[in-house]
Amino acid sequence: MLWERGLVVLQLGDTAIGDQGARALAAALHAGAMPEGQQLWLASTPMSEVGRAAVQAAAAMRDQLRVCW
């Protein structure tokens, strides 16, 4: 059943996640969060290139996880 798969899509676009949130999100992904994740939406967030790079590096460990800027 679909709900047994865990979190597949996380929509954080148009939020104030910023760099602190980006670091926390990257750490969570490195720790194994969203093991079956397919989409991570981060469009229109006040995240710097450093924050984006941290999230992108963590997401790159997963072939199926697509980050949507």
N, C-alpha and C. Protein backbone atom coordinates (compact mmCIF):
# COMPACT_ATOMS: atom_id res chain seq x y z
N MET A 1 0.84 -1.19 0.00
CA MET A 1 0.00 0.00 0.00
C MET A 1 0.88 1.24 0.00
N LEU A 2 0.37 2.31 -0.56
CA LEU A 2 1.15 3.53 -0.74
C LEU A 2 1.68 4.09 0.58
N TRP A 3 0.88 4.12 1.62
CA TRP A 3 1.32 4.74 2.87
C TRP A 3 2.42 3.94 3.56
N GLU A 4 2.64 2.71 3.16
CA GLU A 4 3.71 1.91 3.73
C GLU A 4 5.08 2.30 3.17
N ARG A 5 5.10 3.07 2.10
CA ARG A 5 6.34 3.46 1.46
C ARG A 5 7.07 4.56 2.21
N GLY A 6 6.42 5.27 3.08
CA GLY A 6 7.05 6.38 3.76
C GLY A 6 6.91 7.66 2.95
N LEU A 7 7.68 8.66 3.32
CA LEU A 7 7.61 9.97 2.68
C LEU A 7 8.24 9.89 1.30
N VAL A 8 7.47 10.17 0.27
CA VAL A 8 7.93 10.08 -1.11
C VAL A 8 8.16 11.46 -1.70
N VAL A 9 7.31 12.43 -1.35
CA VAL A 9 7.42 13.80 -1.85
C VAL A 9 7.41 14.75 -0.65
N LEU A 10 8.38 15.66 -0.62
CA LEU A 10 8.43 16.69 0.42
C LEU A 10 8.40 18.04 -0.27
N GLN A 11 7.36 18.81 -0.02
CA GLN A 11 7.14 20.12 -0.65
C GLN A 11 7.49 21.21 0.35
N LEU A 12 8.64 21.83 0.15
CA LEU A 12 9.07 22.94 1.01
C LEU A 12 9.22 24.24 0.21
N GLY A 13 8.73 24.24 -1.02
CA GLY A 13 8.80 25.43 -1.85
C GLY A 13 8.00 26.57 -1.24
N ASP A 14 8.43 27.79 -1.49
CA ASP A 14 7.77 28.99 -0.98
C ASP A 14 7.74 29.03 0.55
N THR A 15 8.77 28.47 1.16
CA THR A 15 8.90 28.55 2.62
C THR A 15 10.18 29.31 2.95
N ALA A 16 10.39 29.61 4.19
CA ALA A 16 11.58 30.35 4.63
C ALA A 16 12.64 29.39 5.16
N ILE A 17 12.80 28.24 4.51
CA ILE A 17 13.73 27.22 4.99
C ILE A 17 15.16 27.76 5.14
N GLY A 18 15.65 28.53 4.23
CA GLY A 18 16.96 29.16 4.33
C GLY A 18 18.12 28.18 4.50
N ASP A 19 19.29 28.71 4.80
CA ASP A 19 20.49 27.89 4.90
C ASP A 19 20.51 27.00 6.13
N GLN A 20 19.99 27.49 7.23
CA GLN A 20 19.95 26.67 8.44
C GLN A 20 19.06 25.44 8.20
N GLY A 21 17.93 25.64 7.57
CA GLY A 21 17.05 24.53 7.23
C GLY A 21 17.68 23.61 6.20
N ALA A 22 18.42 24.18 5.26
CA ALA A 22 19.11 23.38 4.25
C ALA A 22 20.13 22.46 4.89
N ARG A 23 20.88 22.99 5.87
CA ARG A 23 21.86 22.15 6.57
C ARG A 23 21.17 21.04 7.34
N ALA A 24 20.06 21.36 7.99
CA ALA A 24 19.31 20.34 8.73
C ALA A 24 18.73 19.29 7.78
N LEU A 25 18.21 19.72 6.65
CA LEU A 25 17.65 18.80 5.67
C LEU A 25 18.75 17.90 5.11
N ALA A 26 19.90 18.48 4.78
CA ALA A 26 21.02 17.68 4.27
C ALA A 26 21.47 16.65 5.31
N ALA A 27 21.56 17.06 6.56
CA ALA A 27 21.95 16.12 7.62
C ALA A 27 20.93 14.99 7.76
N ALA A 28 19.66 15.33 7.66
CA ALA A 28 18.61 14.31 7.76
C ALA A 28 18.70 13.32 6.60
N LEU A 29 18.96 13.83 5.40
CA LEU A 29 19.10 12.94 4.24
C LEU A 29 20.32 12.04 4.40
N HIS A 30 21.43 12.61 4.88
CA HIS A 30 22.64 11.80 5.13
C HIS A 30 22.37 10.72 6.18
N ALA A 31 21.51 11.03 7.14
CA ALA A 31 21.19 10.09 8.21
C ALA A 31 20.16 9.04 7.80
N GLY A 32 19.62 9.17 6.59
CA GLY A 32 18.69 8.16 6.10
C GLY A 32 17.24 8.57 5.98
N ALA A 33 16.93 9.85 6.20
CA ALA A 33 15.54 10.31 6.04
C ALA A 33 15.10 10.15 4.59
N MET A 34 13.84 9.95 4.40
CA MET A 34 13.24 9.78 3.07
C MET A 34 13.92 8.68 2.25
N PRO A 35 14.05 7.48 2.80
CA PRO A 35 14.75 6.43 2.06
C PRO A 35 14.10 6.08 0.72
N GLU A 36 12.81 6.33 0.60
CA GLU A 36 12.11 6.04 -0.65
C GLU A 36 11.70 7.34 -1.36
N GLY A 37 12.31 8.44 -0.96
CA GLY A 37 11.95 9.74 -1.51
C GLY A 37 12.18 9.82 -3.01
N GLN A 38 11.26 10.50 -3.68
CA GLN A 38 11.36 10.67 -5.12
C GLN A 38 11.46 12.15 -5.52
N GLN A 39 10.80 13.04 -4.75
CA GLN A 39 10.82 14.46 -5.09
C GLN A 39 10.97 15.31 -3.84
N LEU A 40 11.85 16.28 -3.94
CA LEU A 40 12.07 17.26 -2.88
C LEU A 40 11.93 18.63 -3.53
N TRP A 41 10.87 19.34 -3.20
CA TRP A 41 10.55 20.63 -3.81
C TRP A 41 11.09 21.77 -2.94
N LEU A 42 11.98 22.58 -3.52
CA LEU A 42 12.60 23.69 -2.79
C LEU A 42 12.56 24.99 -3.59
N ALA A 43 11.65 25.10 -4.53
CA ALA A 43 11.55 26.32 -5.34
C ALA A 43 11.15 27.52 -4.49
N SER A 44 11.68 28.67 -4.83
CA SER A 44 11.34 29.94 -4.19
C SER A 44 11.62 29.95 -2.69
N THR A 45 12.78 29.43 -2.32
CA THR A 45 13.22 29.49 -0.91
C THR A 45 14.42 30.43 -0.82
N PRO A 46 14.61 31.11 0.31
CA PRO A 46 15.73 32.03 0.46
C PRO A 46 17.02 31.30 0.85
N MET A 47 17.39 30.32 0.07
CA MET A 47 18.55 29.48 0.33
C MET A 47 19.71 29.96 -0.54
N SER A 48 20.89 30.10 0.03
CA SER A 48 22.05 30.53 -0.75
C SER A 48 22.59 29.34 -1.55
N GLU A 49 23.58 29.62 -2.37
CA GLU A 49 24.23 28.55 -3.15
C GLU A 49 24.87 27.51 -2.23
N VAL A 50 25.36 27.94 -1.08
CA VAL A 50 25.95 27.01 -0.11
C VAL A 50 24.89 26.04 0.41
N GLY A 51 23.73 26.57 0.75
CA GLY A 51 22.63 25.72 1.22
C GLY A 51 22.16 24.78 0.13
N ARG A 52 22.04 25.30 -1.08
CA ARG A 52 21.62 24.46 -2.21
C ARG A 52 22.62 23.34 -2.46
N ALA A 53 23.90 23.66 -2.37
CA ALA A 53 24.94 22.65 -2.60
C ALA A 53 24.88 21.56 -1.54
N ALA A 54 24.62 21.93 -0.30
CA ALA A 54 24.52 20.93 0.77
C ALA A 54 23.37 19.97 0.52
N VAL A 55 22.22 20.50 0.15
CA VAL A 55 21.06 19.65 -0.13
C VAL A 55 21.31 18.79 -1.36
N GLN A 56 21.87 19.40 -2.40
CA GLN A 56 22.12 18.66 -3.64
C GLN A 56 23.10 17.52 -3.41
N ALA A 57 24.14 17.75 -2.62
CA ALA A 57 25.12 16.69 -2.33
C ALA A 57 24.47 15.54 -1.57
N ALA A 58 23.62 15.87 -0.62
CA ALA A 58 22.94 14.82 0.14
C ALA A 58 21.96 14.05 -0.74
N ALA A 59 21.23 14.76 -1.59
CA ALA A 59 20.26 14.11 -2.47
C ALA A 59 20.95 13.27 -3.54
N ALA A 60 22.15 13.64 -3.92
CA ALA A 60 22.87 12.92 -4.96
C ALA A 60 23.21 11.49 -4.55
N MET A 61 23.16 11.21 -3.28
CA MET A 61 23.42 9.86 -2.79
C MET A 61 22.29 8.91 -3.16
N ARG A 62 21.17 9.45 -3.60
CA ARG A 62 19.99 8.66 -3.94
C ARG A 62 19.65 8.84 -5.41
N ASP A 63 19.70 7.78 -6.15
CA ASP A 63 19.41 7.86 -7.59
C ASP A 63 17.99 8.31 -7.88
N GLN A 64 17.05 7.94 -7.05
CA GLN A 64 15.64 8.20 -7.35
C GLN A 64 15.17 9.55 -6.82
N LEU A 65 15.94 10.24 -6.00
CA LEU A 65 15.50 11.51 -5.40
C LEU A 65 15.83 12.68 -6.31
N ARG A 66 14.81 13.39 -6.74
CA ARG A 66 14.96 14.55 -7.62
C ARG A 66 14.69 15.82 -6.82
N VAL A 67 15.62 16.75 -6.84
CA VAL A 67 15.44 18.04 -6.18
C VAL A 67 14.93 19.03 -7.22
N CYS A 68 13.81 19.66 -6.92
CA CYS A 68 13.18 20.61 -7.83
C CYS A 68 13.38 22.01 -7.27
N TRP A 69 14.18 22.80 -7.98
CA TRP A 69 14.47 24.17 -7.56
C TRP A 69 13.50 25.08 -8.23
